[in-house]
Amino acid sequence: MTLRSIVGLAGNLTSPSRTRVLVEAVLEAVRRRFDASTSLIDLSVVGPVLLSTPTRGALARAGEVLLSRIEAADLLVVGTPVYRASYTGALKHVFDLLHKDSLAGKPAVLAATGGSALHGLVTEHQLRPLLAFFGAHTVPTSLYATEADFTAYRIANAALARRIERAAAEAATLLALPGGTRPFDAVVQAADRDAGVAPHGNA
């Protein structure tokens, strides 16, 4: 079996970061279930590279390497702190630089952190539509955490820990489906064949 690639994208702009801790926890939970390599792109670290230009063509080589890593991943874990009731502008800029079809069929886990429970649906109202635009398939279980869920930047809420495990299990299930990096495409194509439907894009 080809080693799968799981990439975490943390949209935090400061360090240390609870968002980064949450994304890392998901990466580790998936890695325990599936033979995969994991890597983390932390915008508080690489922001100067990815945010230095408005267009992809003007990016330095290091920025292009990071974008290519995201586009080549078999699974994405996308996390953001809540800024002005949404994801950070820095995270949105990264998505603005991605090719619009590069995430089609790719499974993704969504995560966010905020100051209170009032923004608990930011993953559903903001992140899920963003990933849906790119054609990514987000797992049903999303993650939201507040400051009270951490102690010294470690996850201290048992309910959150269980939710991370559930999201990781859903992601691992998708990774195990046939079809390489586009498992949903393989399932749809198989269903079409069984129903006698011509492949998508054919007359």
N, C-alpha and C. Protein backbone atom coordinates (compact mmCIF):
# COMPACT_ATOMS: atom_id res chain seq x y z
N MET A 1 0.85 -1.20 0.00
CA MET A 1 0.00 0.00 0.00
C MET A 1 0.88 1.25 0.00
N THR A 2 0.57 2.23 -0.82
CA THR A 2 1.31 3.47 -0.86
C THR A 2 1.10 4.26 0.41
N LEU A 3 2.17 4.80 0.96
CA LEU A 3 2.07 5.60 2.18
C LEU A 3 1.27 6.86 1.88
N ARG A 4 0.22 7.07 2.65
CA ARG A 4 -0.61 8.25 2.44
C ARG A 4 -0.01 9.47 3.15
N SER A 5 -0.37 10.64 2.66
CA SER A 5 0.13 11.90 3.22
C SER A 5 -1.02 12.66 3.87
N ILE A 6 -0.84 13.00 5.13
CA ILE A 6 -1.84 13.78 5.87
C ILE A 6 -1.20 15.12 6.23
N VAL A 7 -1.83 16.20 5.83
CA VAL A 7 -1.29 17.54 6.06
C VAL A 7 -2.23 18.33 6.94
N GLY A 8 -1.68 18.89 8.01
CA GLY A 8 -2.44 19.79 8.86
C GLY A 8 -2.13 21.24 8.49
N LEU A 9 -3.15 22.05 8.39
CA LEU A 9 -3.00 23.47 8.08
C LEU A 9 -3.60 24.26 9.24
N ALA A 10 -2.74 24.90 10.02
CA ALA A 10 -3.18 25.65 11.19
C ALA A 10 -3.14 27.14 10.88
N GLY A 11 -4.30 27.78 10.95
CA GLY A 11 -4.41 29.19 10.55
C GLY A 11 -4.13 30.19 11.65
N ASN A 12 -3.50 29.75 12.73
CA ASN A 12 -3.15 30.67 13.82
C ASN A 12 -2.01 31.59 13.40
N LEU A 13 -2.01 32.78 13.97
CA LEU A 13 -0.99 33.78 13.64
C LEU A 13 -0.04 34.02 14.80
N THR A 14 -0.28 33.39 15.95
CA THR A 14 0.57 33.54 17.11
C THR A 14 1.00 32.18 17.61
N SER A 15 2.05 32.17 18.44
CA SER A 15 2.55 30.93 19.02
C SER A 15 3.00 31.22 20.45
N PRO A 16 2.67 30.32 21.39
CA PRO A 16 1.99 29.03 21.23
C PRO A 16 0.53 29.22 20.84
N SER A 17 -0.08 28.14 20.34
CA SER A 17 -1.42 28.23 19.79
C SER A 17 -2.25 27.01 20.13
N ARG A 18 -3.45 27.24 20.64
CA ARG A 18 -4.37 26.13 20.91
C ARG A 18 -4.87 25.52 19.60
N THR A 19 -4.97 26.34 18.56
CA THR A 19 -5.37 25.80 17.25
C THR A 19 -4.35 24.79 16.77
N ARG A 20 -3.09 25.12 16.88
CA ARG A 20 -2.05 24.18 16.46
C ARG A 20 -2.12 22.90 17.29
N VAL A 21 -2.33 23.02 18.58
CA VAL A 21 -2.44 21.83 19.45
C VAL A 21 -3.59 20.94 18.98
N LEU A 22 -4.71 21.56 18.64
CA LEU A 22 -5.88 20.80 18.21
C LEU A 22 -5.61 20.09 16.88
N VAL A 23 -5.01 20.79 15.93
CA VAL A 23 -4.70 20.19 14.63
C VAL A 23 -3.70 19.04 14.82
N GLU A 24 -2.70 19.25 15.64
CA GLU A 24 -1.71 18.20 15.89
C GLU A 24 -2.35 16.97 16.52
N ALA A 25 -3.33 17.18 17.40
CA ALA A 25 -4.01 16.05 18.03
C ALA A 25 -4.76 15.22 17.01
N VAL A 26 -5.38 15.88 16.04
CA VAL A 26 -6.09 15.15 14.99
C VAL A 26 -5.10 14.38 14.11
N LEU A 27 -4.01 15.03 13.75
CA LEU A 27 -2.99 14.36 12.94
C LEU A 27 -2.51 13.09 13.62
N GLU A 28 -2.23 13.17 14.91
CA GLU A 28 -1.74 12.01 15.64
C GLU A 28 -2.81 10.93 15.75
N ALA A 29 -4.06 11.33 15.96
CA ALA A 29 -5.14 10.35 16.09
C ALA A 29 -5.37 9.59 14.78
N VAL A 30 -5.24 10.28 13.64
CA VAL A 30 -5.38 9.60 12.35
C VAL A 30 -4.17 8.71 12.10
N ARG A 31 -2.99 9.20 12.43
CA ARG A 31 -1.76 8.43 12.18
C ARG A 31 -1.77 7.10 12.94
N ARG A 32 -2.36 7.10 14.13
CA ARG A 32 -2.45 5.86 14.91
C ARG A 32 -3.33 4.82 14.23
N ARG A 33 -4.24 5.28 13.37
CA ARG A 33 -5.20 4.38 12.74
C ARG A 33 -4.79 3.97 11.32
N PHE A 34 -3.87 4.71 10.73
CA PHE A 34 -3.60 4.50 9.32
C PHE A 34 -2.12 4.71 9.05
N ASP A 35 -1.57 3.91 8.17
CA ASP A 35 -0.16 4.03 7.81
C ASP A 35 0.00 5.26 6.93
N ALA A 36 0.46 6.35 7.53
CA ALA A 36 0.52 7.61 6.80
C ALA A 36 1.62 8.49 7.38
N SER A 37 2.14 9.37 6.55
CA SER A 37 3.06 10.40 7.01
C SER A 37 2.25 11.66 7.32
N THR A 38 2.65 12.38 8.34
CA THR A 38 1.94 13.60 8.72
C THR A 38 2.90 14.78 8.73
N SER A 39 2.36 15.93 8.37
CA SER A 39 3.14 17.17 8.44
C SER A 39 2.20 18.31 8.79
N LEU A 40 2.75 19.35 9.38
CA LEU A 40 1.95 20.49 9.83
C LEU A 40 2.47 21.77 9.19
N ILE A 41 1.55 22.55 8.65
CA ILE A 41 1.87 23.88 8.12
C ILE A 41 1.24 24.89 9.08
N ASP A 42 2.06 25.57 9.84
CA ASP A 42 1.63 26.52 10.87
C ASP A 42 1.86 27.93 10.32
N LEU A 43 0.77 28.69 10.14
CA LEU A 43 0.90 30.00 9.52
C LEU A 43 1.64 30.99 10.40
N SER A 44 1.72 30.74 11.71
CA SER A 44 2.51 31.63 12.55
C SER A 44 4.00 31.48 12.25
N VAL A 45 4.36 30.36 11.62
CA VAL A 45 5.76 30.09 11.27
C VAL A 45 6.03 30.44 9.80
N VAL A 46 5.16 29.97 8.91
CA VAL A 46 5.42 30.13 7.47
C VAL A 46 4.63 31.27 6.85
N GLY A 47 3.90 32.02 7.66
CA GLY A 47 3.12 33.13 7.14
C GLY A 47 3.90 34.09 6.27
N PRO A 48 5.11 34.50 6.67
CA PRO A 48 5.88 35.43 5.83
C PRO A 48 6.14 34.90 4.43
N VAL A 49 6.19 33.58 4.26
CA VAL A 49 6.42 33.00 2.94
C VAL A 49 5.14 33.01 2.12
N LEU A 50 4.03 32.55 2.73
CA LEU A 50 2.78 32.39 1.97
C LEU A 50 1.99 33.69 1.84
N LEU A 51 2.23 34.63 2.71
CA LEU A 51 1.42 35.86 2.71
C LEU A 51 2.16 37.04 2.09
N SER A 52 3.29 36.76 1.46
CA SER A 52 4.13 37.85 0.95
C SER A 52 3.68 38.40 -0.38
N THR A 53 2.75 37.72 -1.04
CA THR A 53 2.34 38.15 -2.38
C THR A 53 0.86 37.82 -2.60
N PRO A 54 0.15 38.61 -3.39
CA PRO A 54 -1.26 38.34 -3.63
C PRO A 54 -1.52 37.24 -4.64
N THR A 55 -0.51 36.84 -5.40
CA THR A 55 -0.73 35.84 -6.44
C THR A 55 0.26 34.69 -6.30
N ARG A 56 -0.14 33.52 -6.79
CA ARG A 56 0.73 32.35 -6.68
C ARG A 56 1.96 32.47 -7.56
N GLY A 57 1.81 33.07 -8.71
CA GLY A 57 2.92 33.16 -9.63
C GLY A 57 4.10 33.95 -9.08
N ALA A 58 3.83 34.82 -8.12
CA ALA A 58 4.90 35.65 -7.56
C ALA A 58 5.50 35.05 -6.29
N LEU A 59 5.01 33.88 -5.88
CA LEU A 59 5.51 33.26 -4.66
C LEU A 59 6.95 32.81 -4.82
N ALA A 60 7.68 32.86 -3.71
CA ALA A 60 9.01 32.27 -3.68
C ALA A 60 8.88 30.75 -3.76
N ARG A 61 9.96 30.09 -4.10
CA ARG A 61 9.96 28.63 -4.25
C ARG A 61 9.45 27.94 -2.98
N ALA A 62 9.84 28.44 -1.83
CA ALA A 62 9.42 27.82 -0.57
C ALA A 62 7.90 27.85 -0.42
N GLY A 63 7.26 28.93 -0.86
CA GLY A 63 5.81 29.01 -0.79
C GLY A 63 5.14 28.04 -1.73
N GLU A 64 5.68 27.88 -2.93
CA GLU A 64 5.12 26.94 -3.89
C GLU A 64 5.23 25.51 -3.36
N VAL A 65 6.31 25.20 -2.69
CA VAL A 65 6.48 23.86 -2.11
C VAL A 65 5.39 23.59 -1.07
N LEU A 66 5.07 24.58 -0.24
CA LEU A 66 4.04 24.40 0.78
C LEU A 66 2.66 24.21 0.14
N LEU A 67 2.34 25.00 -0.87
CA LEU A 67 1.05 24.86 -1.54
C LEU A 67 0.94 23.50 -2.22
N SER A 68 2.01 23.07 -2.84
CA SER A 68 2.01 21.77 -3.51
C SER A 68 1.82 20.64 -2.51
N ARG A 69 2.37 20.80 -1.31
CA ARG A 69 2.19 19.79 -0.28
C ARG A 69 0.71 19.68 0.11
N ILE A 70 0.04 20.81 0.22
CA ILE A 70 -1.39 20.80 0.54
C ILE A 70 -2.17 20.11 -0.58
N GLU A 71 -1.88 20.47 -1.82
CA GLU A 71 -2.62 19.93 -2.96
C GLU A 71 -2.37 18.45 -3.17
N ALA A 72 -1.21 17.97 -2.77
CA ALA A 72 -0.87 16.56 -2.97
C ALA A 72 -1.30 15.68 -1.81
N ALA A 73 -1.77 16.27 -0.72
CA ALA A 73 -2.14 15.48 0.46
C ALA A 73 -3.31 14.55 0.17
N ASP A 74 -3.33 13.42 0.84
CA ASP A 74 -4.46 12.50 0.75
C ASP A 74 -5.57 12.88 1.72
N LEU A 75 -5.20 13.59 2.77
CA LEU A 75 -6.16 14.05 3.77
C LEU A 75 -5.68 15.38 4.33
N LEU A 76 -6.60 16.33 4.51
CA LEU A 76 -6.28 17.61 5.12
C LEU A 76 -6.94 17.73 6.49
N VAL A 77 -6.23 18.34 7.41
CA VAL A 77 -6.81 18.76 8.69
C VAL A 77 -6.68 20.27 8.73
N VAL A 78 -7.80 20.98 8.68
CA VAL A 78 -7.79 22.43 8.58
C VAL A 78 -8.30 23.02 9.88
N GLY A 79 -7.47 23.85 10.52
CA GLY A 79 -7.87 24.47 11.78
C GLY A 79 -7.65 25.97 11.76
N THR A 80 -8.46 26.68 12.52
CA THR A 80 -8.34 28.13 12.58
C THR A 80 -8.83 28.65 13.93
N PRO A 81 -8.20 29.69 14.45
CA PRO A 81 -8.84 30.42 15.54
C PRO A 81 -9.95 31.29 14.95
N VAL A 82 -10.94 31.60 15.75
CA VAL A 82 -12.04 32.44 15.28
C VAL A 82 -11.61 33.91 15.35
N TYR A 83 -11.62 34.57 14.20
CA TYR A 83 -11.33 36.00 14.12
C TYR A 83 -12.55 36.67 13.49
N ARG A 84 -13.14 37.59 14.21
CA ARG A 84 -14.30 38.33 13.69
C ARG A 84 -15.38 37.37 13.18
N ALA A 85 -15.65 36.33 13.97
CA ALA A 85 -16.72 35.36 13.70
C ALA A 85 -16.44 34.48 12.48
N SER A 86 -15.17 34.38 12.07
CA SER A 86 -14.86 33.56 10.91
C SER A 86 -13.43 33.03 11.04
N TYR A 87 -12.93 32.38 9.95
CA TYR A 87 -11.55 31.93 9.92
C TYR A 87 -10.65 33.14 9.70
N THR A 88 -9.37 32.97 9.95
CA THR A 88 -8.43 34.09 9.80
C THR A 88 -8.26 34.47 8.33
N GLY A 89 -7.97 35.74 8.11
CA GLY A 89 -7.71 36.19 6.75
C GLY A 89 -6.49 35.51 6.16
N ALA A 90 -5.52 35.20 7.02
CA ALA A 90 -4.32 34.51 6.53
C ALA A 90 -4.66 33.13 5.99
N LEU A 91 -5.53 32.41 6.68
CA LEU A 91 -5.94 31.09 6.20
C LEU A 91 -6.68 31.22 4.87
N LYS A 92 -7.57 32.20 4.77
CA LYS A 92 -8.30 32.40 3.52
C LYS A 92 -7.34 32.72 2.38
N HIS A 93 -6.29 33.48 2.67
CA HIS A 93 -5.34 33.81 1.60
C HIS A 93 -4.65 32.56 1.07
N VAL A 94 -4.33 31.62 1.96
CA VAL A 94 -3.73 30.38 1.50
C VAL A 94 -4.67 29.65 0.54
N PHE A 95 -5.95 29.59 0.90
CA PHE A 95 -6.91 28.94 0.01
C PHE A 95 -7.09 29.71 -1.29
N ASP A 96 -6.93 31.03 -1.24
CA ASP A 96 -7.01 31.82 -2.47
C ASP A 96 -5.87 31.47 -3.43
N LEU A 97 -4.76 30.98 -2.90
CA LEU A 97 -3.60 30.65 -3.73
C LEU A 97 -3.68 29.23 -4.31
N LEU A 98 -4.53 28.38 -3.75
CA LEU A 98 -4.63 27.01 -4.24
C LEU A 98 -5.37 26.95 -5.57
N HIS A 99 -5.00 26.00 -6.42
CA HIS A 99 -5.75 25.78 -7.65
C HIS A 99 -7.15 25.29 -7.29
N LYS A 100 -8.16 25.79 -7.96
CA LYS A 100 -9.53 25.57 -7.53
C LYS A 100 -9.98 24.12 -7.60
N ASP A 101 -9.34 23.31 -8.42
CA ASP A 101 -9.71 21.90 -8.52
C ASP A 101 -8.76 20.98 -7.76
N SER A 102 -7.82 21.56 -7.04
CA SER A 102 -6.76 20.75 -6.44
C SER A 102 -7.22 19.91 -5.25
N LEU A 103 -8.34 20.28 -4.63
CA LEU A 103 -8.81 19.54 -3.45
C LEU A 103 -10.03 18.68 -3.76
N ALA A 104 -10.41 18.59 -5.02
CA ALA A 104 -11.63 17.86 -5.39
C ALA A 104 -11.55 16.40 -4.94
N GLY A 105 -12.54 15.97 -4.18
CA GLY A 105 -12.60 14.59 -3.72
C GLY A 105 -11.72 14.29 -2.53
N LYS A 106 -10.97 15.26 -2.05
CA LYS A 106 -10.04 15.04 -0.94
C LYS A 106 -10.79 15.09 0.40
N PRO A 107 -10.62 14.09 1.28
CA PRO A 107 -11.25 14.16 2.60
C PRO A 107 -10.56 15.19 3.48
N ALA A 108 -11.33 15.80 4.39
CA ALA A 108 -10.78 16.83 5.26
C ALA A 108 -11.49 16.81 6.61
N VAL A 109 -10.73 17.14 7.64
CA VAL A 109 -11.26 17.30 9.00
C VAL A 109 -11.21 18.79 9.33
N LEU A 110 -12.27 19.31 9.93
CA LEU A 110 -12.37 20.74 10.24
C LEU A 110 -12.24 20.96 11.74
N ALA A 111 -11.50 22.01 12.11
CA ALA A 111 -11.30 22.32 13.53
C ALA A 111 -11.20 23.82 13.72
N ALA A 112 -11.64 24.29 14.88
CA ALA A 112 -11.55 25.71 15.19
C ALA A 112 -11.45 25.89 16.70
N THR A 113 -10.88 27.02 17.09
CA THR A 113 -10.81 27.39 18.50
C THR A 113 -11.34 28.80 18.65
N GLY A 114 -11.97 29.08 19.79
CA GLY A 114 -12.54 30.39 20.01
C GLY A 114 -12.57 30.75 21.48
N GLY A 115 -12.92 32.00 21.76
CA GLY A 115 -12.93 32.47 23.13
C GLY A 115 -14.12 32.01 23.94
N SER A 116 -15.18 31.62 23.26
CA SER A 116 -16.37 31.15 23.97
C SER A 116 -17.14 30.19 23.08
N ALA A 117 -18.15 29.56 23.66
CA ALA A 117 -18.97 28.61 22.91
C ALA A 117 -19.86 29.29 21.88
N LEU A 118 -19.94 30.61 21.91
CA LEU A 118 -20.84 31.33 21.01
C LEU A 118 -20.46 31.14 19.54
N HIS A 119 -19.20 30.83 19.28
CA HIS A 119 -18.76 30.64 17.89
C HIS A 119 -18.63 29.17 17.53
N GLY A 120 -19.32 28.32 18.26
CA GLY A 120 -19.16 26.88 18.09
C GLY A 120 -19.55 26.35 16.72
N LEU A 121 -20.32 27.11 15.96
CA LEU A 121 -20.74 26.64 14.64
C LEU A 121 -19.90 27.23 13.50
N VAL A 122 -18.77 27.83 13.84
CA VAL A 122 -17.94 28.42 12.79
C VAL A 122 -17.45 27.36 11.80
N THR A 123 -17.27 26.14 12.27
CA THR A 123 -16.84 25.09 11.34
C THR A 123 -17.92 24.79 10.31
N GLU A 124 -19.19 24.92 10.72
CA GLU A 124 -20.30 24.61 9.82
C GLU A 124 -20.65 25.79 8.92
N HIS A 125 -20.60 27.01 9.45
CA HIS A 125 -21.03 28.19 8.69
C HIS A 125 -19.92 28.79 7.84
N GLN A 126 -18.66 28.52 8.21
CA GLN A 126 -17.55 29.14 7.51
C GLN A 126 -16.60 28.13 6.85
N LEU A 127 -16.04 27.22 7.64
CA LEU A 127 -15.05 26.30 7.08
C LEU A 127 -15.66 25.29 6.13
N ARG A 128 -16.79 24.70 6.49
CA ARG A 128 -17.36 23.65 5.63
C ARG A 128 -17.73 24.20 4.25
N PRO A 129 -18.37 25.37 4.15
CA PRO A 129 -18.64 25.91 2.80
C PRO A 129 -17.36 26.22 2.02
N LEU A 130 -16.31 26.67 2.71
CA LEU A 130 -15.05 26.96 2.02
C LEU A 130 -14.48 25.69 1.39
N LEU A 131 -14.43 24.61 2.16
CA LEU A 131 -13.90 23.35 1.63
C LEU A 131 -14.82 22.77 0.57
N ALA A 132 -16.14 22.99 0.71
CA ALA A 132 -17.09 22.49 -0.28
C ALA A 132 -16.88 23.18 -1.63
N PHE A 133 -16.52 24.46 -1.62
CA PHE A 133 -16.24 25.16 -2.87
C PHE A 133 -15.15 24.45 -3.66
N PHE A 134 -14.14 23.95 -2.94
CA PHE A 134 -13.03 23.26 -3.60
C PHE A 134 -13.35 21.80 -3.93
N GLY A 135 -14.55 21.33 -3.55
CA GLY A 135 -14.93 19.97 -3.85
C GLY A 135 -14.38 18.95 -2.86
N ALA A 136 -13.84 19.42 -1.74
CA ALA A 136 -13.35 18.49 -0.72
C ALA A 136 -14.52 17.86 0.02
N HIS A 137 -14.28 16.67 0.58
CA HIS A 137 -15.31 15.97 1.34
C HIS A 137 -14.96 16.03 2.82
N THR A 138 -15.65 16.90 3.56
CA THR A 138 -15.36 17.05 4.98
C THR A 138 -16.05 15.96 5.77
N VAL A 139 -15.34 15.40 6.76
CA VAL A 139 -15.93 14.34 7.58
C VAL A 139 -17.06 14.95 8.42
N PRO A 140 -18.04 14.13 8.82
CA PRO A 140 -19.20 14.67 9.54
C PRO A 140 -18.85 15.34 10.87
N THR A 141 -17.90 14.78 11.61
CA THR A 141 -17.57 15.31 12.93
C THR A 141 -16.56 16.45 12.81
N SER A 142 -16.98 17.65 13.20
CA SER A 142 -16.07 18.79 13.25
C SER A 142 -15.68 19.05 14.70
N LEU A 143 -14.66 19.87 14.89
CA LEU A 143 -14.10 20.09 16.23
C LEU A 143 -14.08 21.57 16.56
N TYR A 144 -14.54 21.90 17.75
CA TYR A 144 -14.48 23.27 18.23
C TYR A 144 -14.07 23.25 19.69
N ALA A 145 -13.12 24.09 20.05
CA ALA A 145 -12.62 24.10 21.41
C ALA A 145 -12.45 25.54 21.90
N THR A 146 -12.66 25.74 23.18
CA THR A 146 -12.43 27.04 23.80
C THR A 146 -11.24 26.94 24.74
N GLU A 147 -10.85 28.07 25.30
CA GLU A 147 -9.70 28.10 26.20
C GLU A 147 -9.87 27.14 27.37
N ALA A 148 -11.12 26.98 27.82
CA ALA A 148 -11.39 26.11 28.97
C ALA A 148 -11.10 24.64 28.67
N ASP A 149 -10.97 24.27 27.40
CA ASP A 149 -10.71 22.87 27.03
C ASP A 149 -9.23 22.52 27.09
N PHE A 150 -8.39 23.50 27.45
CA PHE A 150 -6.94 23.29 27.48
C PHE A 150 -6.37 23.65 28.85
N THR A 151 -5.32 22.97 29.21
CA THR A 151 -4.51 23.33 30.37
C THR A 151 -3.06 23.39 29.93
N ALA A 152 -2.46 24.57 30.06
CA ALA A 152 -1.08 24.76 29.63
C ALA A 152 -0.87 24.25 28.20
N TYR A 153 -1.78 24.60 27.32
CA TYR A 153 -1.73 24.23 25.91
C TYR A 153 -1.73 22.71 25.69
N ARG A 154 -2.40 22.03 26.56
CA ARG A 154 -2.67 20.60 26.38
C ARG A 154 -4.17 20.38 26.49
N ILE A 155 -4.70 19.49 25.65
CA ILE A 155 -6.14 19.22 25.68
C ILE A 155 -6.50 18.56 27.00
N ALA A 156 -7.44 19.17 27.73
CA ALA A 156 -7.80 18.70 29.06
C ALA A 156 -9.26 18.30 29.17
N ASN A 157 -10.02 18.42 28.08
CA ASN A 157 -11.44 18.09 28.09
C ASN A 157 -11.64 16.71 27.49
N ALA A 158 -12.15 15.78 28.29
CA ALA A 158 -12.32 14.40 27.83
C ALA A 158 -13.32 14.31 26.69
N ALA A 159 -14.36 15.14 26.71
CA ALA A 159 -15.36 15.11 25.64
C ALA A 159 -14.72 15.55 24.32
N LEU A 160 -13.86 16.56 24.36
CA LEU A 160 -13.16 17.00 23.15
C LEU A 160 -12.23 15.90 22.66
N ALA A 161 -11.54 15.24 23.57
CA ALA A 161 -10.63 14.16 23.18
C ALA A 161 -11.39 13.03 22.48
N ARG A 162 -12.58 12.72 22.99
CA ARG A 162 -13.40 11.67 22.35
C ARG A 162 -13.86 12.12 20.96
N ARG A 163 -14.18 13.38 20.84
CA ARG A 163 -14.63 13.90 19.54
C ARG A 163 -13.49 13.87 18.53
N ILE A 164 -12.28 14.16 18.98
CA ILE A 164 -11.10 14.06 18.10
C ILE A 164 -10.95 12.63 17.60
N GLU A 165 -11.11 11.66 18.49
CA GLU A 165 -10.99 10.26 18.09
C GLU A 165 -12.07 9.88 17.08
N ARG A 166 -13.27 10.41 17.25
CA ARG A 166 -14.35 10.09 16.31
C ARG A 166 -14.06 10.70 14.94
N ALA A 167 -13.61 11.94 14.90
CA ALA A 167 -13.28 12.57 13.62
C ALA A 167 -12.13 11.83 12.95
N ALA A 168 -11.16 11.41 13.73
CA ALA A 168 -10.02 10.66 13.19
C ALA A 168 -10.47 9.32 12.62
N ALA A 169 -11.39 8.66 13.30
CA ALA A 169 -11.90 7.38 12.82
C ALA A 169 -12.63 7.56 11.49
N GLU A 170 -13.41 8.63 11.37
CA GLU A 170 -14.11 8.90 10.11
C GLU A 170 -13.12 9.17 8.99
N ALA A 171 -12.07 9.94 9.30
CA ALA A 171 -11.06 10.24 8.29
C ALA A 171 -10.32 8.99 7.86
N ALA A 172 -9.97 8.14 8.82
CA ALA A 172 -9.25 6.91 8.49
C ALA A 172 -10.11 5.98 7.63
N THR A 173 -11.41 5.97 7.88
CA THR A 173 -12.31 5.16 7.07
C THR A 173 -12.30 5.62 5.62
N LEU A 174 -12.30 6.93 5.42
CA LEU A 174 -12.25 7.46 4.05
C LEU A 174 -10.93 7.14 3.38
N LEU A 175 -9.84 7.23 4.13
CA LEU A 175 -8.54 6.92 3.56
C LEU A 175 -8.44 5.46 3.13
N ALA A 176 -9.19 4.60 3.80
CA ALA A 176 -9.11 3.17 3.50
C ALA A 176 -9.94 2.78 2.29
N LEU A 177 -10.78 3.68 1.79
CA LEU A 177 -11.60 3.36 0.63
C LEU A 177 -10.73 3.24 -0.62
N PRO A 178 -11.16 2.47 -1.62
CA PRO A 178 -10.39 2.37 -2.86
C PRO A 178 -10.41 3.68 -3.63
N GLY A 179 -9.40 3.89 -4.44
CA GLY A 179 -9.41 5.08 -5.30
C GLY A 179 -8.27 6.03 -5.03
N GLY A 180 -7.27 5.60 -4.26
CA GLY A 180 -6.11 6.45 -4.03
C GLY A 180 -6.46 7.70 -3.27
N THR A 181 -6.04 8.84 -3.79
CA THR A 181 -6.23 10.10 -3.07
C THR A 181 -7.61 10.69 -3.29
N ARG A 182 -8.44 10.05 -4.08
CA ARG A 182 -9.77 10.57 -4.33
C ARG A 182 -10.79 9.46 -4.04
N PRO A 183 -10.94 9.04 -2.78
CA PRO A 183 -11.79 7.89 -2.46
C PRO A 183 -13.24 8.08 -2.85
N PHE A 184 -13.77 9.29 -2.67
CA PHE A 184 -15.16 9.50 -3.00
C PHE A 184 -15.40 9.36 -4.50
N ASP A 185 -14.44 9.83 -5.31
CA ASP A 185 -14.58 9.68 -6.75
C ASP A 185 -14.70 8.21 -7.14
N ALA A 186 -13.89 7.36 -6.51
CA ALA A 186 -13.93 5.94 -6.83
C ALA A 186 -15.29 5.34 -6.48
N VAL A 187 -15.84 5.75 -5.34
CA VAL A 187 -17.14 5.23 -4.92
C VAL A 187 -18.23 5.67 -5.89
N VAL A 188 -18.19 6.96 -6.27
CA VAL A 188 -19.20 7.48 -7.21
C VAL A 188 -19.08 6.77 -8.56
N GLN A 189 -17.86 6.59 -9.05
CA GLN A 189 -17.67 5.93 -10.34
C GLN A 189 -18.15 4.48 -10.30
N ALA A 190 -17.90 3.79 -9.19
CA ALA A 190 -18.36 2.42 -9.06
C ALA A 190 -19.88 2.36 -9.05
N ALA A 191 -20.51 3.30 -8.36
CA ALA A 191 -21.97 3.34 -8.32
C ALA A 191 -22.54 3.64 -9.70
N ASP A 192 -21.88 4.54 -10.45
CA ASP A 192 -22.32 4.85 -11.81
C ASP A 192 -22.23 3.62 -12.71
N ARG A 193 -21.13 2.89 -12.59
CA ARG A 193 -20.96 1.69 -13.42
C ARG A 193 -22.07 0.68 -13.12
N ASP A 194 -22.36 0.51 -11.84
CA ASP A 194 -23.40 -0.45 -11.46
C ASP A 194 -24.77 -0.03 -11.99
N ALA A 195 -24.96 1.29 -12.10
CA ALA A 195 -26.25 1.80 -12.57
C ALA A 195 -26.29 1.99 -14.08
N GLY A 196 -25.17 1.71 -14.76
CA GLY A 196 -25.12 1.85 -16.21
C GLY A 196 -25.02 3.28 -16.67
N VAL A 197 -24.48 4.17 -15.78
CA VAL A 197 -24.36 5.58 -16.12
C VAL A 197 -23.00 5.82 -16.75
N ALA A 198 -22.95 6.62 -17.82
CA ALA A 198 -21.68 6.93 -18.47
C ALA A 198 -20.79 7.73 -17.54
N PRO A 199 -19.48 7.61 -17.65
CA PRO A 199 -18.57 8.39 -16.82
C PRO A 199 -18.84 9.87 -16.94
N HIS A 200 -18.60 10.60 -15.83
CA HIS A 200 -18.84 12.03 -15.83
C HIS A 200 -18.00 12.73 -16.87
N GLY A 201 -18.63 13.66 -17.59
CA GLY A 201 -17.91 14.42 -18.61
C GLY A 201 -18.04 13.79 -19.99
N ASN A 202 -18.61 12.59 -20.10
CA ASN A 202 -18.79 11.97 -21.40
C ASN A 202 -20.22 12.18 -21.89
N ALA A 203 -20.37 12.26 -23.21
CA ALA A 203 -21.71 12.47 -23.77
C ALA A 203 -22.51 11.18 -23.69
